[in-house]
């Protein structure tokens, strides 16, 4: 194809899909640092000085005393040295409540709904709160991103020589050259995000249309390797949590325990070992809660290539494999990628509005903007329902919105306000440029 054709493909994908693509990349950028944002704005997630290792048993005992009607589901070790431990419990009036505890003293620091900054950004970025089709909608934009990337490399001649071609500040081509240079420096990031984004589409399709499997081993129906569920007589007491953890450590002395979750009569202990780029769930030990028997010991060595990649995609997509250092890099390049989408739209609008000989207007631009706005309106509606029904309170049989930490409210509402402002500017800029083009007299 001709260079100009590749250029038009690049412009087409950017303008037609750009508004929603920006939203997806923009939200994913903040999803990378969402845990750290929660730490900043929620005092209960912080402790004053680094303490001794987590006393799992004491924390559980204090939670059981403070919430006698609770069902314990999940325990997480502190994410950072100055972070508190987190427990997830179900209460009769509210499901999925986060309880924060001092890791050493086991003092309970407070509780809030499971819905926090991290949950907002992760859910919104994953599926735009759209039930059923959301993952497909979001993942489809990875195709747009990769097509735009390939097209850009095809029309930008000898791009491999231009990594250090810095734009002149006061030149007329400043924004165009800045857009190109930023795109070159983001090549590796675009490839990583695009490929992992496509992988989420493959995962969703397998689960919905092929075999309904989404995990390697477990007791649930969606596990490839079904594990038996222990059967014990009623009244048999569960072994102490500390004792179960010690048995897991004996089985896996290499395991740095990150979390523990209760799965019926079994307990699953998971974390990190010396395996590169895998989620915590790749390393797990499943024990019988009542006998302490090790039922299953899983390592990434057990995996086929398919399942190894499945547990690698998330660390690559969100950059959390190296702690704050890798997260900072992913956050900065996420901002750059979001900026590239905005600057590309600006360049397209300027080209339409400023070049008298340019008569080309992408068909469907207005329709794409309308569809994007409708998708975001649906996202807002379904998001409200999800937060109310899944994370809220049930009072006299009626669902109510959960109480969120003030800082969490501020971050979420502030991000929404800034995003709406950007989108309003986006729509106005494209609308003005295309309207100006329509008003020009023809030759």
Protein backbone atom coordinates (compact mmCIF):
# COMPACT_ATOMS: atom_id res chain seq x y z
CA UNK A 1 0.00 0.00 0.00
CA UNK A 2 1.00 3.60 -0.53
CA UNK A 3 2.41 5.68 2.29
CA UNK A 4 -0.63 7.95 2.25
CA UNK A 5 -2.95 4.94 2.62
CA UNK A 6 -1.08 3.81 5.73
CA UNK A 7 -1.29 7.35 7.06
CA UNK A 8 -5.05 7.40 6.55
CA UNK A 9 -5.41 4.03 8.29
CA UNK A 10 -3.47 5.45 11.24
CA UNK A 11 -5.67 8.55 11.33
CA UNK A 12 -8.86 6.55 10.87
CA UNK A 13 -8.22 4.19 13.78
CA UNK A 14 -7.17 7.11 15.97
CA UNK A 15 -10.19 9.29 15.29
CA UNK A 16 -12.92 6.62 15.10
CA UNK A 17 -11.84 4.63 18.16
CA UNK A 18 -9.81 7.31 19.93
CA UNK A 19 -12.33 8.58 22.46
CA UNK A 20 -12.99 5.20 24.07
CA UNK A 21 -9.40 4.08 23.56
CA UNK A 22 -8.27 7.12 25.52
CA UNK A 23 -10.69 6.28 28.34
CA UNK A 24 -9.41 2.70 28.50
CA UNK A 25 -5.73 3.70 28.50
CA UNK A 26 -6.33 6.62 30.88
CA UNK A 27 -8.12 4.41 33.42
CA UNK A 28 -5.53 1.66 33.04
CA UNK A 29 -2.77 4.16 33.79
CA UNK A 30 -4.33 4.91 37.17
CA UNK A 31 -5.17 1.26 37.77
CA UNK A 32 -1.40 0.66 37.84
CA UNK A 33 -0.97 2.84 40.95
CA UNK A 34 -4.45 2.34 42.44
CA UNK A 35 -3.16 0.45 45.50
CA UNK A 36 -0.79 3.32 46.23
CA UNK A 37 -3.61 5.86 45.82
CA UNK A 38 -5.67 3.93 48.36
CA UNK A 39 -2.69 3.96 50.69
CA UNK A 40 -2.42 7.74 50.36
CA UNK A 41 -6.09 8.60 50.89
CA UNK A 42 -7.23 5.94 53.38
CA UNK A 43 -5.57 6.31 56.80
CA UNK A 44 -6.60 2.80 57.85
CA UNK A 45 -4.34 1.31 55.19
CA UNK A 46 -1.21 2.83 56.74
CA UNK A 47 0.94 2.07 59.76
CA UNK A 48 3.50 4.46 61.26
CA UNK A 49 6.70 2.41 61.15
CA UNK A 50 7.65 -0.93 59.61
CA UNK A 51 6.68 -3.72 61.95
CA UNK A 52 7.40 -7.42 62.45
CA UNK A 53 5.91 -10.06 60.11
CA UNK A 54 2.14 -10.48 60.07
CA UNK A 55 0.66 -12.42 62.98
CA UNK A 56 -2.01 -14.20 60.91
CA UNK A 57 -3.66 -16.08 63.76
CA UNK A 58 -3.97 -13.06 66.07
CA UNK A 59 -5.48 -10.92 63.31
CA UNK A 60 -8.08 -13.57 62.50
CA UNK A 61 -8.92 -14.00 66.17
CA UNK A 62 -9.47 -10.25 66.62
CA UNK A 63 -11.69 -10.10 63.54
CA UNK A 64 -13.78 -13.02 64.80
CA UNK A 65 -14.20 -11.27 68.15
CA UNK A 66 -15.09 -7.92 66.60
CA UNK A 67 -17.39 -9.37 63.92
CA UNK A 68 -18.99 -12.49 65.40
CA UNK A 69 -21.45 -12.85 62.50
CA UNK A 70 -18.78 -12.51 59.80
CA UNK A 71 -17.63 -15.10 57.32
CA UNK A 72 -13.91 -14.80 56.62
CA UNK A 73 -12.99 -15.05 52.95
CA UNK A 74 -9.54 -13.61 52.34
CA UNK A 75 -6.41 -12.37 54.12
CA UNK A 76 -3.67 -10.32 52.46
CA UNK A 77 -0.23 -9.56 53.82
CA UNK A 78 0.87 -5.89 53.74
CA UNK A 79 1.65 -4.77 50.21
CA UNK A 80 4.38 -2.34 51.34
CA UNK A 81 6.44 -2.01 54.56
CA UNK A 82 4.17 0.78 55.84
CA UNK A 83 0.90 -0.89 54.78
CA UNK A 84 -1.64 -2.58 57.00
CA UNK A 85 -2.88 -6.11 56.46
CA UNK A 86 -6.29 -6.57 54.82
CA UNK A 87 -9.02 -9.10 55.42
CA UNK A 88 -12.18 -9.60 53.38
CA UNK A 89 -15.27 -10.67 55.30
CA UNK A 90 -18.97 -11.11 54.53
CA UNK A 91 -21.49 -9.65 56.96
CA UNK A 92 -25.25 -10.35 57.03
CA UNK A 93 -25.96 -6.79 55.85
CA UNK A 94 -22.98 -6.33 53.51
CA UNK A 95 -20.82 -8.58 51.40
CA UNK A 96 -17.10 -8.09 50.81
CA UNK A 97 -16.06 -5.75 53.61
CA UNK A 98 -12.39 -4.79 53.92
CA UNK A 99 -11.01 -4.88 57.45
CA UNK A 100 -7.61 -3.30 58.08
CA UNK A 101 -5.25 -4.54 60.79
CA UNK A 102 -1.83 -3.71 62.15
CA UNK A 103 0.34 -6.63 60.98
CA UNK A 104 2.29 -7.03 64.23
CA UNK A 105 -0.06 -6.01 67.07
CA UNK A 106 -3.12 -7.39 65.22
CA UNK A 107 -5.04 -4.25 66.25
CA UNK A 108 -8.01 -3.62 63.97
CA UNK A 109 -7.74 -0.19 62.36
CA UNK A 110 -11.15 0.08 60.73
CA UNK A 111 -13.29 -1.22 57.89
CA UNK A 112 -14.80 -0.02 54.63
CA UNK A 113 -16.58 -1.44 51.63
CA UNK A 114 -14.58 -3.62 49.27
CA UNK A 115 -15.16 -0.92 46.65
CA UNK A 116 -12.19 1.43 46.82
CA UNK A 117 -9.91 3.26 44.39
CA UNK A 118 -8.23 0.04 43.27
CA UNK A 119 -11.54 -1.74 42.69
CA UNK A 120 -12.99 1.20 40.75
CA UNK A 121 -10.09 1.51 38.33
CA UNK A 122 -9.58 -2.23 37.92
CA UNK A 123 -13.25 -2.94 37.18
CA UNK A 124 -13.73 0.11 34.97
CA UNK A 125 -10.56 -0.60 32.99
CA UNK A 126 -11.39 -4.27 32.61
CA UNK A 127 -14.97 -4.05 31.34
CA UNK A 128 -16.30 -0.48 31.67
CA UNK A 129 -18.81 -1.95 34.15
CA UNK A 130 -20.70 -3.41 31.17
CA UNK A 131 -22.02 -6.86 32.14
CA UNK A 132 -21.35 -9.70 29.74
CA UNK A 133 -19.87 -7.76 26.83
CA UNK A 134 -17.54 -5.37 28.67
CA UNK A 135 -14.38 -7.46 28.41
CA UNK A 136 -14.95 -7.90 24.68
CA UNK A 137 -15.55 -4.17 24.16
CA UNK A 138 -12.36 -3.22 26.00
CA UNK A 139 -10.18 -5.97 24.51
CA UNK A 140 -11.32 -5.13 20.98
CA UNK A 141 -9.57 -1.79 21.30
CA UNK A 142 -6.26 -3.64 21.53
CA UNK A 143 -6.82 -4.45 17.85
CA UNK A 144 -7.26 -0.75 17.08
CA UNK A 145 -4.09 0.07 19.00
CA UNK A 146 -1.98 -2.52 17.17
CA UNK A 147 -3.37 -1.59 13.75
CA UNK A 148 -2.60 2.06 14.41
CA UNK A 149 0.92 1.11 15.52
CA UNK A 150 1.65 -0.96 12.41
CA UNK A 151 0.25 1.75 10.13
CA UNK A 152 2.40 4.41 11.80
CA UNK A 153 5.57 2.38 11.27
CA UNK A 154 4.67 1.83 7.62
CA UNK A 155 4.25 5.50 6.74
CA UNK A 156 6.97 6.94 9.00
CA UNK A 157 10.07 6.40 6.84
CA UNK A 158 13.24 5.12 8.50
CA UNK A 159 11.64 5.40 11.90
CA UNK A 160 14.44 3.38 13.53
CA UNK A 161 16.77 6.33 12.97
CA UNK A 162 14.52 8.92 14.56
CA UNK A 163 14.45 8.02 18.24
CA UNK A 164 16.53 11.07 19.09
CA UNK A 165 14.97 13.51 16.65
CA UNK A 166 13.70 16.06 19.14
CA UNK A 167 11.17 18.65 17.90
CA UNK A 168 12.07 22.33 17.84
CA UNK A 169 9.99 24.19 20.39
CA UNK A 170 8.76 27.04 18.18
CA UNK A 171 8.48 25.20 14.88
CA UNK A 172 5.12 24.74 13.14
CA UNK A 173 5.62 20.98 13.23
CA UNK A 174 6.35 20.86 16.97
CA UNK A 175 3.25 18.85 17.96
CA UNK A 176 3.57 16.52 14.99
CA UNK A 177 7.23 15.76 15.72
CA UNK A 178 6.51 15.39 19.43
CA UNK A 179 3.73 12.93 18.63
CA UNK A 180 6.07 10.89 16.43
CA UNK A 181 8.95 10.88 18.92
CA UNK A 182 6.65 9.97 21.81
CA UNK A 183 5.23 7.14 19.72
CA UNK A 184 8.68 5.75 18.97
CA UNK A 185 9.70 5.76 22.61
CA UNK A 186 6.42 4.02 23.46
CA UNK A 187 6.79 1.24 20.88
CA UNK A 188 7.70 -1.45 23.41
CA UNK A 189 4.90 -0.36 25.72
CA UNK A 190 2.30 -0.35 22.94
CA UNK A 191 3.32 -3.87 21.93
CA UNK A 192 3.10 -5.16 25.52
CA UNK A 193 -0.27 -3.54 26.21
CA UNK A 194 -1.68 -4.50 22.82
CA UNK A 195 -0.68 -8.17 23.01
CA UNK A 196 -1.83 -8.65 26.61
CA UNK A 197 -5.06 -6.79 25.80
CA UNK A 198 -5.72 -9.24 22.97
CA UNK A 199 -4.99 -12.11 25.35
CA UNK A 200 -7.85 -11.02 27.63
CA UNK A 201 -10.11 -11.34 24.59
CA UNK A 202 -8.88 -14.91 24.05
CA UNK A 203 -9.46 -15.77 27.72
CA UNK A 204 -12.99 -14.41 27.68
CA UNK A 205 -13.83 -16.25 24.45
CA UNK A 206 -12.52 -19.53 25.82
CA UNK A 207 -14.59 -19.18 28.98
CA UNK A 208 -17.82 -18.11 27.25
CA UNK A 209 -17.76 -20.14 24.04
CA UNK A 210 -15.33 -23.05 24.28
CA UNK A 211 -15.00 -24.97 27.54
CA UNK A 212 -15.82 -22.62 30.41
CA UNK A 213 -12.31 -22.94 31.89
CA UNK A 214 -10.36 -20.01 33.25
CA UNK A 215 -8.05 -21.47 35.91
CA UNK A 216 -5.53 -24.30 35.98
CA UNK A 217 -6.50 -26.27 39.10
CA UNK A 218 -9.14 -25.93 41.81
CA UNK A 219 -12.42 -27.19 43.18
CA UNK A 220 -14.62 -24.86 41.08
CA UNK A 221 -16.18 -25.92 37.78
CA UNK A 222 -14.05 -23.46 35.79
CA UNK A 223 -10.76 -25.23 36.69
CA UNK A 224 -9.14 -27.49 34.11
CA UNK A 225 -7.89 -29.89 36.79
CA UNK A 226 -10.75 -30.57 39.20
CA UNK A 227 -9.60 -31.22 42.76
CA UNK A 228 -11.72 -33.28 45.18
CA UNK A 229 -13.51 -31.47 47.99
CA UNK A 230 -12.82 -33.02 51.44
CA UNK A 231 -15.84 -34.33 53.31
CA UNK A 232 -15.80 -34.23 57.12
CA UNK A 233 -18.39 -34.86 59.82
CA UNK A 234 -20.12 -31.83 61.28
CA UNK A 235 -18.52 -30.37 64.38
CA UNK A 236 -14.95 -31.20 63.45
CA UNK A 237 -12.86 -28.14 64.40
CA UNK A 238 -10.62 -26.46 61.84
CA UNK A 239 -6.93 -26.39 62.64
CA UNK A 240 -5.38 -23.06 63.72
CA UNK A 241 -4.41 -20.83 60.83
CA UNK A 242 -0.82 -20.51 62.04
CA UNK A 243 -0.46 -24.28 62.06
CA UNK A 244 -1.81 -24.54 58.50
CA UNK A 245 0.55 -21.82 57.32
CA UNK A 246 3.50 -23.64 58.88
CA UNK A 247 2.53 -26.82 57.05
CA UNK A 248 2.41 -24.85 53.80
CA UNK A 249 5.87 -23.44 54.55
CA UNK A 250 7.19 -26.91 55.20
CA UNK A 251 5.80 -28.01 51.87
CA UNK A 252 7.04 -24.89 50.08
CA UNK A 253 9.96 -23.29 51.96
CA UNK A 254 10.60 -21.10 48.90
CA UNK A 255 7.16 -19.46 49.08
CA UNK A 256 6.78 -15.84 50.18
CA UNK A 257 3.18 -15.89 51.39
CA UNK A 258 1.15 -12.98 50.05
CA UNK A 259 -2.42 -14.09 50.70
CA UNK A 260 -4.65 -16.75 52.18
CA UNK A 261 -8.23 -17.50 51.19
CA UNK A 262 -10.87 -19.84 52.51
CA UNK A 263 -12.46 -22.16 49.96
CA UNK A 264 -15.04 -24.23 51.80
CA UNK A 265 -13.30 -27.02 53.76
CA UNK A 266 -9.96 -26.10 52.19
CA UNK A 267 -7.56 -23.21 52.55
CA UNK A 268 -5.38 -21.86 49.75
CA UNK A 269 -2.07 -20.19 50.55
CA UNK A 270 -0.37 -18.38 47.68
CA UNK A 271 2.42 -15.94 46.93
CA UNK A 272 5.71 -15.53 45.11
CA UNK A 273 8.77 -17.69 44.70
CA UNK A 274 11.75 -17.48 42.35
CA UNK A 275 9.65 -17.71 39.20
CA UNK A 276 9.78 -14.67 36.94
CA UNK A 277 6.69 -12.67 35.96
CA UNK A 278 3.80 -14.64 37.40
CA UNK A 279 0.76 -13.76 39.46
CA UNK A 280 0.59 -14.87 43.07
CA UNK A 281 -1.91 -17.57 42.18
CA UNK A 282 0.72 -19.42 40.12
CA UNK A 283 2.35 -20.51 43.40
CA UNK A 284 -0.19 -21.99 45.75
CA UNK A 285 -0.64 -24.70 48.33
CA UNK A 286 -4.12 -26.08 49.04
CA UNK A 287 -4.67 -27.76 52.42
CA UNK A 288 -7.52 -29.47 54.19
CA UNK A 289 -8.57 -26.99 56.92
CA UNK A 290 -9.54 -29.79 59.30
CA UNK A 291 -6.76 -32.34 58.92
CA UNK A 292 -3.95 -30.11 57.65
CA UNK A 293 -3.28 -32.49 54.78
CA UNK A 294 -1.63 -30.90 51.74
CA UNK A 295 -4.08 -31.56 48.92
CA UNK A 296 -2.28 -29.79 46.09
CA UNK A 297 1.01 -27.97 45.58
CA UNK A 298 1.16 -25.86 42.44
CA UNK A 299 4.17 -24.17 40.87
CA UNK A 300 4.63 -22.56 37.43
CA UNK A 301 6.74 -25.61 36.50
CA UNK A 302 3.47 -27.56 36.37
CA UNK A 303 2.12 -25.30 33.67
CA UNK A 304 1.91 -25.74 29.95
CA UNK A 305 2.96 -22.72 27.90
CA UNK A 306 -0.68 -21.60 27.70
CA UNK A 307 -1.17 -21.43 31.46
CA UNK A 308 2.28 -19.98 32.07
CA UNK A 309 1.39 -17.09 29.79
CA UNK A 310 -2.04 -16.76 31.44
CA UNK A 311 -0.41 -15.94 34.77
CA UNK A 312 2.22 -13.72 33.10
CA UNK A 313 -0.16 -11.46 31.16
CA UNK A 314 -1.39 -9.53 34.22
CA UNK A 315 2.06 -8.61 35.61
CA UNK A 316 3.07 -7.44 32.15
CA UNK A 317 -0.12 -5.51 31.52
CA UNK A 318 -0.09 -3.65 34.85
CA UNK A 319 3.64 -3.61 35.51
CA UNK A 320 3.39 -4.74 39.12
CA UNK A 321 6.11 -7.39 38.90
CA UNK A 322 8.86 -5.11 40.25
CA UNK A 323 7.03 -3.17 42.92
CA UNK A 324 7.02 0.62 42.87
CA UNK A 325 9.85 0.83 40.34
CA UNK A 326 8.08 -1.07 37.59
CA UNK A 327 4.74 0.51 38.47
CA UNK A 328 6.25 3.98 38.10
CA UNK A 329 7.57 3.12 34.63
CA UNK A 330 4.19 1.72 33.54
CA UNK A 331 2.39 4.75 34.97
CA UNK A 332 4.63 7.22 33.12
CA UNK A 333 4.32 5.38 29.82
CA UNK A 334 0.57 5.06 30.38
CA UNK A 335 0.39 8.85 30.65
CA UNK A 336 2.49 9.11 27.49
CA UNK A 337 0.22 6.70 25.63
CA UNK A 338 -2.87 8.65 26.72
CA UNK A 339 -1.15 11.83 25.56
CA UNK A 340 -0.40 10.27 22.18
CA UNK A 341 -4.09 9.55 21.66
CA UNK A 342 -5.02 13.12 22.55
CA UNK A 343 -2.27 14.70 20.46
CA UNK A 344 -3.18 12.53 17.48
CA UNK A 345 -6.74 13.81 17.61
CA UNK A 346 -5.48 17.38 17.93
CA UNK A 347 -3.27 16.97 14.88
CA UNK A 348 -6.14 15.50 12.87
CA UNK A 349 -8.48 18.32 13.89
CA UNK A 350 -5.86 20.97 13.08
CA UNK A 351 -5.23 19.40 9.70
CA UNK A 352 -8.93 19.51 8.83
CA UNK A 353 -9.40 23.05 10.05
CA UNK A 354 -6.22 24.55 8.62
CA UNK A 355 -5.56 23.06 5.20
CA UNK A 356 -7.75 24.51 2.48
CA UNK A 357 -6.95 21.75 0.01
CA UNK A 358 -7.80 18.99 2.45
CA UNK A 359 -11.30 17.70 1.69
CA UNK A 360 -11.02 14.36 3.40
CA UNK A 361 -13.26 13.73 6.35
CA UNK A 362 -13.49 10.32 7.84
CA UNK A 363 -17.02 8.95 7.42
CA UNK A 364 -18.61 8.08 10.70
CA UNK A 365 -16.66 10.50 12.90
CA UNK A 366 -19.81 11.99 14.37
CA UNK A 367 -21.42 8.57 14.69
CA UNK A 368 -18.33 7.25 16.48
CA UNK A 369 -18.51 10.11 18.97
CA UNK A 370 -22.21 9.48 19.60
CA UNK A 371 -21.64 5.74 20.10
CA UNK A 372 -18.74 6.45 22.46
CA UNK A 373 -20.87 8.81 24.54
CA UNK A 374 -23.68 6.22 24.68
CA UNK A 375 -21.22 3.51 25.80
CA UNK A 376 -19.95 5.77 28.58
CA UNK A 377 -23.53 6.59 29.62
CA UNK A 378 -24.30 2.86 29.83
CA UNK A 379 -21.06 2.35 31.76
CA UNK A 380 -22.12 4.95 34.33
CA UNK A 381 -25.55 3.37 34.74
CA UNK A 382 -24.31 -0.20 35.11
CA UNK A 383 -21.45 0.97 37.32
CA UNK A 384 -23.92 2.53 39.75
CA UNK A 385 -25.93 -0.70 39.83
CA UNK A 386 -22.83 -2.85 40.38
CA UNK A 387 -21.52 -0.71 43.24
CA UNK A 388 -24.93 -0.62 44.90
CA UNK A 389 -25.85 -4.29 44.50
CA UNK A 390 -22.47 -6.00 44.96
CA UNK A 391 -20.64 -3.74 47.39
CA UNK A 392 -23.43 -1.85 49.14
CA UNK A 393 -25.49 -2.33 52.27
CA UNK A 394 -28.75 -4.27 52.46
CA UNK A 395 -31.17 -2.47 54.79
CA UNK A 396 -34.63 -4.00 55.21
CA UNK A 397 -34.16 -5.91 51.97
CA UNK A 398 -33.19 -2.83 49.95
CA UNK A 399 -29.74 -2.22 48.48
CA UNK A 400 -27.97 1.01 49.34
CA UNK A 401 -24.69 2.52 48.18
CA UNK A 402 -21.73 1.65 50.43
CA UNK A 403 -19.98 4.11 52.69
CA UNK A 404 -16.60 4.90 51.17
CA UNK A 405 -13.61 6.51 52.79
CA UNK A 406 -13.70 10.30 52.13
CA UNK A 407 -10.39 10.15 50.31
CA UNK A 408 -11.64 7.34 48.06
CA UNK A 409 -14.68 9.43 47.12
CA UNK A 410 -12.44 12.40 46.38
CA UNK A 411 -10.07 10.45 44.11
CA UNK A 412 -12.83 8.72 42.13
CA UNK A 413 -14.98 11.86 41.73
CA UNK A 414 -11.94 14.00 40.91
CA UNK A 415 -10.76 11.57 38.25
CA UNK A 416 -14.25 11.44 36.72
CA UNK A 417 -14.47 15.26 36.64
CA UNK A 418 -11.07 15.64 34.98
CA UNK A 419 -11.89 12.90 32.46
CA UNK A 420 -15.23 14.45 31.54
CA UNK A 421 -13.45 17.77 31.00
CA UNK A 422 -10.96 16.14 28.65
CA UNK A 423 -13.72 14.36 26.74
CA UNK A 424 -15.73 17.56 26.39
CA UNK A 425 -12.69 19.27 24.90
CA UNK A 426 -12.13 16.27 22.61
CA UNK A 427 -15.69 16.32 21.23
CA UNK A 428 -15.70 20.09 20.82
CA UNK A 429 -12.39 20.10 18.96
CA UNK A 430 -13.41 17.41 16.48
CA UNK A 431 -16.88 18.85 16.02
CA UNK A 432 -15.53 22.34 15.34
CA UNK A 433 -12.93 21.14 12.86
CA UNK A 434 -15.30 18.91 10.90
CA UNK A 435 -18.03 21.56 10.90
CA UNK A 436 -15.55 24.14 9.57
CA UNK A 437 -14.60 21.71 6.81
CA UNK A 438 -18.24 21.27 5.80
CA UNK A 439 -18.75 25.05 5.56
CA UNK A 440 -15.84 25.61 3.15
CA UNK A 441 -16.81 26.44 -0.41
CA UNK A 442 -15.85 23.81 -2.96
CA UNK A 443 -13.68 24.59 -5.97
